[in-house]
Amino acid sequence: MDSGKTIQVEVSEERGMTAREVLDLPVTISVVTAARVLGMGPNKAYALIRSGEFPVDMITVGGTKRVLTSALWRFLGLEGLAVQR
């Protein structure tokens, strides 16, 4: 969802995940898990989704928003590491 806007994400040690944990995630994850990876709370993540500013692509499965882990890896610059695994 590249709208040309810059989103500033503040990483929080208490909410975040290690690169290894992020690389071990399944193909899709919940918005709550993606928010944790990005170091934000779920309320902020859902607000960004509503405004169309959430920084990674999502799909809807049975009415539930799911975040594509590959898009999250790409956003975080981890995509090359994921391929090497």
Foldseek 3Di string as FASTA:
>chain_A
DCPVDDDDFDADPVQADDLVVLLPDDQKAALQNLCSNSRHHSVVSVVCVVVVNNQFDWDADPNGIITGSCRSCVVVVNNVVSVVD
